[in-house]
Each structure stands twice: as C-alpha cells, then as structure tokens.
N, C-alpha and C. Protein backbone atom coordinates (compact mmCIF):
# COMPACT_ATOMS: atom_id res chain seq x y z
N UNK A 1 171.80 -65.72 21.27
CA UNK A 1 171.09 -64.82 22.29
C UNK A 1 172.19 -64.29 22.73
N UNK A 2 171.36 -62.94 23.29
CA UNK A 2 172.54 -62.32 23.53
C UNK A 2 172.49 -62.54 25.26
N UNK A 3 173.90 -62.41 25.52
CA UNK A 3 174.28 -62.50 26.75
C UNK A 3 174.20 -61.09 27.64
N UNK A 4 173.75 -61.35 28.59
CA UNK A 4 173.86 -59.61 29.31
C UNK A 4 174.51 -59.72 30.51
N UNK A 5 175.92 -58.76 30.61
CA UNK A 5 176.49 -58.55 31.61
C UNK A 5 176.42 -57.40 32.16
N UNK A 6 175.55 -57.20 32.19
CA UNK A 6 174.97 -56.27 33.27
C UNK A 6 176.28 -55.01 33.24
N UNK A 7 176.78 -55.01 32.71
CA UNK A 7 178.01 -53.87 32.39
C UNK A 7 179.31 -53.99 33.82
N UNK A 8 179.06 -55.58 33.92
CA UNK A 8 179.83 -55.75 35.81
C UNK A 8 181.41 -55.89 34.55
N UNK A 9 182.12 -55.93 33.78
CA UNK A 9 183.29 -56.36 33.17
C UNK A 9 183.14 -55.95 32.29
N UNK A 10 182.83 -55.11 31.26
CA UNK A 10 182.84 -53.73 30.30
C UNK A 10 182.14 -53.34 30.31
N UNK A 11 181.82 -51.75 29.87
CA UNK A 11 180.88 -50.92 29.78
C UNK A 11 181.95 -49.55 28.69
N UNK A 12 181.12 -49.78 27.49
CA UNK A 12 181.79 -48.57 26.44
C UNK A 12 183.77 -49.44 26.14
N UNK A 13 183.50 -50.55 25.83
CA UNK A 13 184.86 -51.29 25.72
C UNK A 13 185.84 -50.91 27.11
N UNK A 14 185.03 -50.40 27.71
CA UNK A 14 186.13 -49.91 29.10
C UNK A 14 186.45 -51.03 30.30
N UNK A 15 187.14 -51.47 30.61
CA UNK A 15 186.92 -52.76 32.08
C UNK A 15 186.67 -52.34 33.06
N UNK A 16 185.54 -52.88 33.95
CA UNK A 16 184.65 -52.34 34.68
C UNK A 16 185.53 -53.05 35.72
N UNK A 17 185.37 -54.40 35.76
CA UNK A 17 185.66 -55.58 36.58
C UNK A 17 184.78 -56.01 37.76
N UNK A 18 183.39 -55.42 38.00
CA UNK A 18 183.06 -55.53 38.78
C UNK A 18 182.62 -57.33 39.24
N UNK A 19 182.88 -58.23 39.21
CA UNK A 19 183.47 -59.60 39.09
C UNK A 19 182.30 -60.09 40.37
N UNK A 20 182.58 -59.83 41.51
CA UNK A 20 181.55 -60.02 42.75
C UNK A 20 180.13 -59.62 42.63
N UNK A 21 179.84 -57.83 42.11
CA UNK A 21 179.01 -58.35 41.86
C UNK A 21 177.95 -58.67 40.61
N UNK A 22 178.92 -59.36 39.53
CA UNK A 22 178.33 -60.37 38.38
C UNK A 22 177.71 -61.15 38.98
N UNK A 23 178.95 -62.08 39.60
CA UNK A 23 178.05 -63.58 40.47
C UNK A 23 177.32 -62.80 41.35
N UNK A 24 177.23 -62.44 42.06
CA UNK A 24 175.76 -61.99 43.50
C UNK A 24 174.63 -61.55 42.25
N UNK A 25 174.23 -61.30 41.39
CA UNK A 25 173.29 -60.92 40.85
C UNK A 25 172.95 -62.09 39.59
N UNK A 26 173.84 -63.37 39.73
CA UNK A 26 173.74 -64.15 38.54
C UNK A 26 172.10 -64.92 39.41
N UNK A 27 171.24 -64.74 38.38
CA UNK A 27 170.19 -65.51 38.25
C UNK A 27 170.75 -67.36 38.64
N UNK A 28 169.38 -67.85 39.26
CA UNK A 28 169.76 -69.17 39.82
C UNK A 28 169.63 -69.88 39.38
N UNK A 29 170.71 -71.07 38.41
CA UNK A 29 170.44 -71.98 37.98
C UNK A 29 171.04 -71.13 36.32
N UNK A 30 171.34 -70.10 36.38
CA UNK A 30 171.55 -69.41 34.53
C UNK A 30 173.48 -68.44 34.77
N UNK A 31 173.73 -69.36 33.95
CA UNK A 31 175.62 -69.33 33.23
C UNK A 31 175.55 -68.08 32.96
N UNK A 32 175.81 -67.38 33.50
CA UNK A 32 176.24 -65.61 32.74
C UNK A 32 177.22 -65.63 31.96
N UNK A 33 177.89 -66.50 32.39
CA UNK A 33 179.44 -66.27 31.59
C UNK A 33 179.26 -67.87 30.81
N UNK A 34 178.48 -68.78 30.46
CA UNK A 34 178.44 -69.90 29.56
C UNK A 34 179.75 -70.90 30.62
N UNK A 35 180.36 -70.54 32.05
CA UNK A 35 181.15 -71.23 32.80
C UNK A 35 181.12 -72.98 32.51
N UNK A 36 179.53 -73.35 32.65
CA UNK A 36 179.20 -74.77 32.89
C UNK A 36 179.54 -75.29 31.76
N UNK A 37 179.62 -74.55 30.49
CA UNK A 37 179.23 -75.72 29.02
C UNK A 37 180.45 -76.25 28.75
N UNK A 38 180.46 -77.68 28.96
CA UNK A 38 181.39 -78.42 29.09
C UNK A 38 181.56 -78.40 27.23
N UNK A 39 181.02 -78.05 26.74
CA UNK A 39 180.84 -78.16 24.82
C UNK A 39 182.08 -76.87 24.56
N UNK A 40 182.56 -76.41 25.67
CA UNK A 40 183.74 -74.68 24.89
C UNK A 40 184.36 -75.80 24.37
N UNK A 41 184.99 -75.27 23.38
CA UNK A 41 186.64 -75.83 22.46
C UNK A 41 187.44 -75.68 23.64
N UNK A 42 187.45 -74.53 24.03
CA UNK A 42 188.96 -73.73 25.43
C UNK A 42 189.17 -74.82 25.91
N UNK A 43 188.01 -75.65 27.05
CA UNK A 43 188.02 -76.71 27.92
C UNK A 43 188.43 -77.92 27.44
N UNK A 44 187.42 -78.04 26.34
CA UNK A 44 187.83 -79.61 25.35
C UNK A 44 189.37 -79.34 25.26
N UNK A 45 190.17 -78.50 24.14
CA UNK A 45 191.74 -78.61 23.92
C UNK A 45 192.53 -78.61 25.42
N UNK A 46 191.94 -77.62 26.33
CA UNK A 46 192.70 -77.23 27.89
C UNK A 46 193.18 -79.41 28.07
N UNK A 47 191.36 -79.78 28.34
CA UNK A 47 191.80 -81.13 29.02
C UNK A 47 192.38 -81.68 28.19
N UNK A 48 192.45 -81.99 27.17
CA UNK A 48 193.09 -82.71 25.81
C UNK A 48 195.00 -82.76 26.47
N UNK A 49 195.25 -81.54 26.44
CA UNK A 49 196.64 -81.57 26.61
C UNK A 49 196.69 -81.63 28.08
N UNK A 50 195.83 -80.78 29.06
CA UNK A 50 196.69 -81.78 30.51
C UNK A 50 196.56 -82.81 30.94
N UNK A 51 195.39 -83.93 30.63
CA UNK A 51 195.26 -85.16 30.61
C UNK A 51 196.41 -86.03 30.21
N UNK A 52 196.92 -85.56 29.75
CA UNK A 52 198.18 -86.21 28.95
C UNK A 52 199.59 -86.30 29.87
N UNK A 53 199.20 -85.58 31.27
CA UNK A 53 200.05 -85.36 32.32
C UNK A 53 199.47 -85.83 33.71
N UNK A 54 200.49 -85.83 34.85
CA UNK A 54 199.95 -86.18 35.87
C UNK A 54 200.64 -84.92 36.56
N UNK A 55 199.71 -83.68 37.54
CA UNK A 55 200.46 -83.09 38.16
C UNK A 55 199.96 -83.03 39.47
N UNK A 56 200.91 -83.44 40.30
CA UNK A 56 200.22 -83.49 41.71
C UNK A 56 199.87 -82.31 42.77
N UNK A 57 200.18 -80.92 42.08
CA UNK A 57 199.23 -79.72 42.61
C UNK A 57 199.35 -78.87 41.80
N UNK A 58 198.33 -78.60 41.59
CA UNK A 58 197.25 -77.47 40.74
C UNK A 58 196.90 -76.43 41.13
N UNK A 59 197.16 -75.37 40.94
CA UNK A 59 196.46 -74.01 41.08
C UNK A 59 195.67 -73.56 39.94
N UNK A 60 194.41 -73.13 40.35
CA UNK A 60 193.77 -72.58 39.45
C UNK A 60 193.06 -70.87 39.21
N UNK A 61 194.08 -70.02 38.42
CA UNK A 61 193.42 -68.98 39.05
C UNK A 61 192.68 -68.46 38.50
N UNK A 62 191.59 -67.42 39.19
CA UNK A 62 189.99 -67.22 37.85
C UNK A 62 189.17 -67.91 38.39
N UNK A 63 189.06 -69.14 39.03
CA UNK A 63 188.41 -70.08 39.00
C UNK A 63 186.74 -70.66 38.85
N UNK A 64 186.73 -68.81 38.92
CA UNK A 64 185.15 -68.74 38.79
C UNK A 64 184.10 -70.04 39.72
N UNK A 65 182.96 -70.42 39.42
CA UNK A 65 182.42 -71.56 39.78
C UNK A 65 183.04 -72.65 39.79
N UNK A 66 184.54 -72.54 39.90
CA UNK A 66 185.02 -74.26 39.87
C UNK A 66 184.69 -75.49 38.89
N UNK A 67 184.76 -75.29 37.59
CA UNK A 67 183.62 -76.40 37.24
C UNK A 67 185.22 -76.87 36.25
N UNK A 68 185.59 -75.74 35.65
CA UNK A 68 187.23 -76.13 35.16
C UNK A 68 188.02 -77.16 35.80
N UNK A 69 188.17 -75.86 37.78
CA UNK A 69 189.12 -76.59 38.62
C UNK A 69 188.67 -78.11 38.75
N UNK A 70 187.20 -78.45 38.54
CA UNK A 70 186.51 -80.15 39.00
C UNK A 70 187.55 -80.75 38.58
N UNK A 71 187.79 -80.51 36.91
CA UNK A 71 188.04 -81.39 36.31
C UNK A 71 189.21 -81.85 36.17
N UNK A 72 190.04 -80.60 37.18
CA UNK A 72 191.78 -81.16 36.67
C UNK A 72 191.54 -81.77 38.33
N UNK A 73 190.65 -82.15 38.85
CA UNK A 73 190.97 -82.96 40.14
C UNK A 73 190.92 -84.41 39.64
N UNK A 74 192.27 -84.55 40.17
CA UNK A 74 192.04 -86.31 40.10
C UNK A 74 192.25 -87.30 41.49
N UNK A 75 192.15 -88.55 41.59
CA UNK A 75 192.21 -89.09 42.70
C UNK A 75 193.17 -88.47 43.54
N UNK A 76 194.57 -88.72 42.94
CA UNK A 76 195.98 -88.13 43.78
C UNK A 76 196.69 -87.22 43.86
N UNK A 77 195.86 -86.21 43.13
CA UNK A 77 196.43 -85.04 43.84
C UNK A 77 195.40 -83.98 44.27
N UNK A 78 196.26 -82.97 44.35
CA UNK A 78 195.82 -81.66 45.17
C UNK A 78 195.50 -80.75 44.01
N UNK A 79 194.07 -79.71 43.88
CA UNK A 79 194.16 -78.87 43.56
C UNK A 79 193.45 -77.92 44.61
N UNK A 80 193.85 -76.64 43.41
CA UNK A 80 193.31 -75.12 44.74
C UNK A 80 192.80 -73.98 43.45
N UNK A 81 191.82 -73.52 44.08
CA UNK A 81 191.16 -72.97 42.66
C UNK A 81 191.42 -71.50 43.71
N UNK A 82 191.46 -70.46 43.24
CA UNK A 82 191.54 -69.30 43.37
C UNK A 82 190.81 -68.25 42.93
N UNK A 83 189.76 -67.41 43.19
CA UNK A 83 189.02 -66.33 42.50
C UNK A 83 189.16 -64.83 43.25
N UNK A 84 188.86 -64.22 42.50
CA UNK A 84 188.46 -62.84 43.32
C UNK A 84 186.96 -62.33 43.92
N UNK A 85 186.13 -62.96 43.54
CA UNK A 85 184.67 -63.21 44.18
C UNK A 85 183.98 -64.10 44.98
N UNK A 86 184.10 -63.74 45.61
CA UNK A 86 183.89 -64.40 47.02
C UNK A 86 182.22 -65.27 46.86
N UNK A 87 181.52 -64.49 46.44
CA UNK A 87 180.24 -65.39 45.66
C UNK A 87 180.36 -66.42 44.60
N UNK A 88 181.58 -66.37 44.13
CA UNK A 88 181.92 -67.68 43.11
C UNK A 88 182.47 -68.66 43.56
N UNK A 89 183.64 -68.33 44.66
CA UNK A 89 184.34 -69.26 45.63
C UNK A 89 183.05 -69.83 46.27
N UNK A 90 182.19 -69.48 46.90
CA UNK A 90 181.38 -69.93 47.63
C UNK A 90 180.49 -71.55 46.80
N UNK A 91 180.01 -70.58 45.19
CA UNK A 91 179.67 -71.53 45.00
C UNK A 91 180.61 -73.13 44.37
N UNK A 92 181.73 -72.42 44.22
CA UNK A 92 182.66 -73.64 43.90
C UNK A 92 182.37 -74.33 45.11
N UNK A 93 182.32 -73.96 45.88
CA UNK A 93 182.99 -74.73 47.24
C UNK A 93 181.15 -75.79 47.84
N UNK A 94 180.42 -75.61 47.19
CA UNK A 94 179.00 -76.28 47.29
C UNK A 94 179.42 -77.19 46.39
N UNK A 95 179.79 -77.07 45.05
CA UNK A 95 179.11 -77.94 44.04
C UNK A 95 180.43 -78.91 44.50
N UNK A 96 181.86 -78.77 44.15
CA UNK A 96 183.09 -79.43 44.47
C UNK A 96 183.82 -79.04 46.15
N UNK A 97 182.92 -80.04 47.39
CA UNK A 97 183.64 -80.08 48.21
C UNK A 97 184.84 -80.50 48.09
N UNK A 98 185.37 -81.27 47.63
CA UNK A 98 186.72 -82.04 47.68
C UNK A 98 187.93 -81.32 46.95
N UNK A 99 187.72 -79.98 46.92
CA UNK A 99 188.85 -79.49 46.48
C UNK A 99 188.98 -77.95 47.14
N UNK A 100 190.09 -77.37 47.58
CA UNK A 100 190.24 -76.32 48.20
C UNK A 100 189.28 -74.79 47.35
N UNK A 101 188.84 -74.21 47.91
CA UNK A 101 189.24 -72.93 46.90
C UNK A 101 189.05 -71.69 47.82
N UNK A 102 189.81 -70.97 47.89
CA UNK A 102 190.21 -69.37 47.94
C UNK A 102 189.88 -68.04 47.61
N UNK A 103 189.20 -67.42 48.26
CA UNK A 103 188.91 -65.83 47.78
C UNK A 103 189.90 -65.25 48.21
N UNK A 104 191.11 -64.71 46.77
CA UNK A 104 192.03 -63.96 46.70
C UNK A 104 191.61 -62.89 45.66
N UNK A 105 192.33 -61.64 46.06
CA UNK A 105 192.94 -60.43 44.92
C UNK A 105 193.94 -60.88 44.11
N UNK A 106 194.01 -60.09 43.37
CA UNK A 106 195.06 -60.19 42.29
C UNK A 106 195.69 -59.36 42.17
N UNK A 107 196.89 -59.99 42.73
CA UNK A 107 197.59 -58.95 42.95
C UNK A 107 199.10 -59.74 43.74
N UNK A 108 200.07 -59.20 43.40
CA UNK A 108 201.50 -59.62 43.96
C UNK A 108 201.48 -60.60 45.33
N UNK A 109 201.08 -59.31 46.07
CA UNK A 109 201.31 -59.64 47.68
C UNK A 109 200.23 -60.97 47.70
N UNK A 110 199.45 -61.29 47.30
CA UNK A 110 198.43 -62.17 47.58
C UNK A 110 198.98 -63.77 47.39
N UNK A 111 199.18 -63.61 45.72
CA UNK A 111 200.56 -64.60 45.63
C UNK A 111 201.58 -65.27 46.19
N UNK A 112 202.16 -64.21 46.58
CA UNK A 112 203.31 -64.81 47.63
C UNK A 112 202.66 -65.15 48.63
N UNK A 113 201.70 -64.88 49.38
CA UNK A 113 200.69 -65.97 50.35
C UNK A 113 199.96 -67.05 50.18
N UNK A 114 200.11 -67.35 48.80
CA UNK A 114 199.36 -68.31 48.31
C UNK A 114 200.10 -69.80 48.06
N UNK A 115 201.30 -69.24 47.86
CA UNK A 115 202.72 -70.13 48.17
C UNK A 115 203.73 -70.30 49.22
N UNK A 116 203.30 -69.40 50.30
CA UNK A 116 203.50 -69.58 51.61
C UNK A 116 202.66 -70.70 52.32
N UNK A 117 201.54 -70.38 51.52
CA UNK A 117 200.42 -71.36 52.33
C UNK A 117 200.81 -72.72 52.01
N UNK A 118 200.87 -73.08 50.59
CA UNK A 118 200.88 -73.72 49.74
C UNK A 118 202.33 -74.22 49.48
N UNK A 119 202.83 -74.04 49.37
CA UNK A 119 204.73 -74.20 48.76
C UNK A 119 204.13 -74.39 46.79
N UNK A 120 205.25 -74.85 46.53
CA UNK A 120 205.05 -75.05 45.04
C UNK A 120 204.31 -75.69 44.16
N UNK A 121 203.53 -75.31 43.41
CA UNK A 121 203.14 -76.22 42.33
C UNK A 121 203.67 -76.66 41.20
N UNK A 122 202.95 -77.96 40.43
CA UNK A 122 203.52 -78.36 39.41
C UNK A 122 202.40 -77.86 38.53
N UNK A 123 201.50 -77.10 38.67
CA UNK A 123 200.47 -76.25 36.84
C UNK A 123 199.67 -75.43 38.32
N UNK A 124 200.09 -74.00 36.93
CA UNK A 124 199.51 -73.18 37.44
C UNK A 124 198.55 -72.99 36.47
N UNK A 125 196.91 -72.82 36.40
CA UNK A 125 196.25 -72.37 35.11
C UNK A 125 195.75 -71.02 35.37
N UNK A 126 195.74 -70.13 34.03
CA UNK A 126 195.57 -68.87 34.61
C UNK A 126 194.49 -69.04 33.28
N UNK A 127 193.08 -69.50 32.95
CA UNK A 127 192.26 -69.58 32.07
C UNK A 127 191.89 -68.57 32.16
N UNK A 128 191.69 -67.28 30.72
CA UNK A 128 190.81 -66.54 30.69
C UNK A 128 190.40 -65.72 31.67
N UNK A 129 191.88 -65.20 32.33
CA UNK A 129 192.04 -64.46 33.50
C UNK A 129 193.43 -63.73 33.03
N UNK A 130 194.25 -63.29 32.61
CA UNK A 130 195.31 -62.47 32.72
C UNK A 130 195.17 -61.30 31.76
N UNK A 131 193.43 -61.04 30.86
CA UNK A 131 193.07 -59.96 30.34
C UNK A 131 192.70 -59.61 31.15
N UNK A 132 192.12 -59.85 32.32
CA UNK A 132 191.70 -58.76 33.51
C UNK A 132 193.03 -58.19 34.26
N UNK A 133 193.87 -58.74 34.11
CA UNK A 133 194.83 -58.06 35.52
C UNK A 133 195.63 -57.20 34.19
N UNK A 134 195.93 -55.83 35.40
CA UNK A 134 196.64 -54.67 35.51
C UNK A 134 197.70 -55.15 35.11
N UNK A 135 198.65 -55.96 35.83
CA UNK A 135 199.55 -56.03 35.78
C UNK A 135 199.88 -57.73 35.68
N UNK A 136 199.73 -58.07 34.56
CA UNK A 136 200.11 -59.24 34.45
C UNK A 136 201.40 -59.86 34.09
N UNK A 137 201.85 -59.40 33.20
CA UNK A 137 203.42 -59.79 33.58
C UNK A 137 203.65 -59.84 35.09
N UNK A 138 204.13 -58.90 35.55
CA UNK A 138 204.88 -59.46 36.93
C UNK A 138 204.15 -60.28 37.52
N UNK A 139 202.60 -60.92 37.42
CA UNK A 139 202.40 -61.72 38.35
C UNK A 139 202.52 -62.48 37.58
N UNK A 140 202.83 -62.98 36.68
CA UNK A 140 203.45 -63.96 35.79
C UNK A 140 204.74 -64.48 36.35
N UNK A 141 205.35 -63.39 36.70
CA UNK A 141 206.74 -63.22 36.57
C UNK A 141 207.03 -63.63 38.58
N UNK A 142 206.01 -63.39 38.98
CA UNK A 142 206.24 -63.77 40.80
C UNK A 142 205.90 -65.10 40.69
N UNK A 143 204.32 -66.06 39.67
CA UNK A 143 204.35 -67.51 39.82
C UNK A 143 205.29 -67.90 39.19
N UNK A 144 206.38 -67.85 38.66
CA UNK A 144 207.36 -68.57 37.54
C UNK A 144 208.67 -68.60 38.47
C-alpha cells in the first residue's frame, strides 16, 4: 500500500515539515502516518523497555495524535505530550482527556518554558522526532 504524504514532510528528498497541514488534511479515520498501529515493532520494543520502570513525570516530544503518549500513562504518574501541530494536539486531547497535551514549536526557547511550567521530568521521550529538528543536538543538551 502506498501512503500519500502529500509532500507535507518530504519533497524530492528535502525536508518540508508542514506537519500542521498534514494533520489538517488527514481524512477522518485515516491514519496517514500509521501512528495508531500498535503492531509497530518500535512501539512494542519501546514499551517493553519502558514498562520495566516507574516514571512519575514523563514528557513526550512530538506526540502527534497521542497514542504512544497514552501508553505511557499509568494511574500514578503525570504525562505531558507536546507537538508542533495544533490539529494533532486537539485530536490527542479528544482521544485522551486524562493527559496534558500542549502545542509547542520545536526550539530551545519553548523547551525552557516547558520546564518552567512543569519542572523536571523523570523521562523525556523523543520518538521519531529528532531527525526533523535542525538543531537537535542543542535541544537534547537543553533537555538534559
């Protein structure tokens, strides 16, 4: 099956990064990025590792529509999901109302604001998102 990304993310091997447009133009009940497919080996492996530990406070950067973020939520922990797309964040909020989702741009200034608002996190997840960040090394440094 060919997935039509509508040239929102990559076009002619160049990064475009129009995530908001991608989520806005996604057909209802169609998962253009296969973000809702729990059979994905990456989901399964990540969860197998993470479920061995208890984290009180988790930040998921690039949460998209929130499925993986929701799998990090336990009865006794706080989970925050952030994404650059307001449309994705709104979908996540509708699907998982017990999780705090925020729309943030991916630059260092906004991450500092996250820490000012929420304090420190026990775990920060950046699943499938660092490759889209121009200054990812500086962002990782500011998160540590």
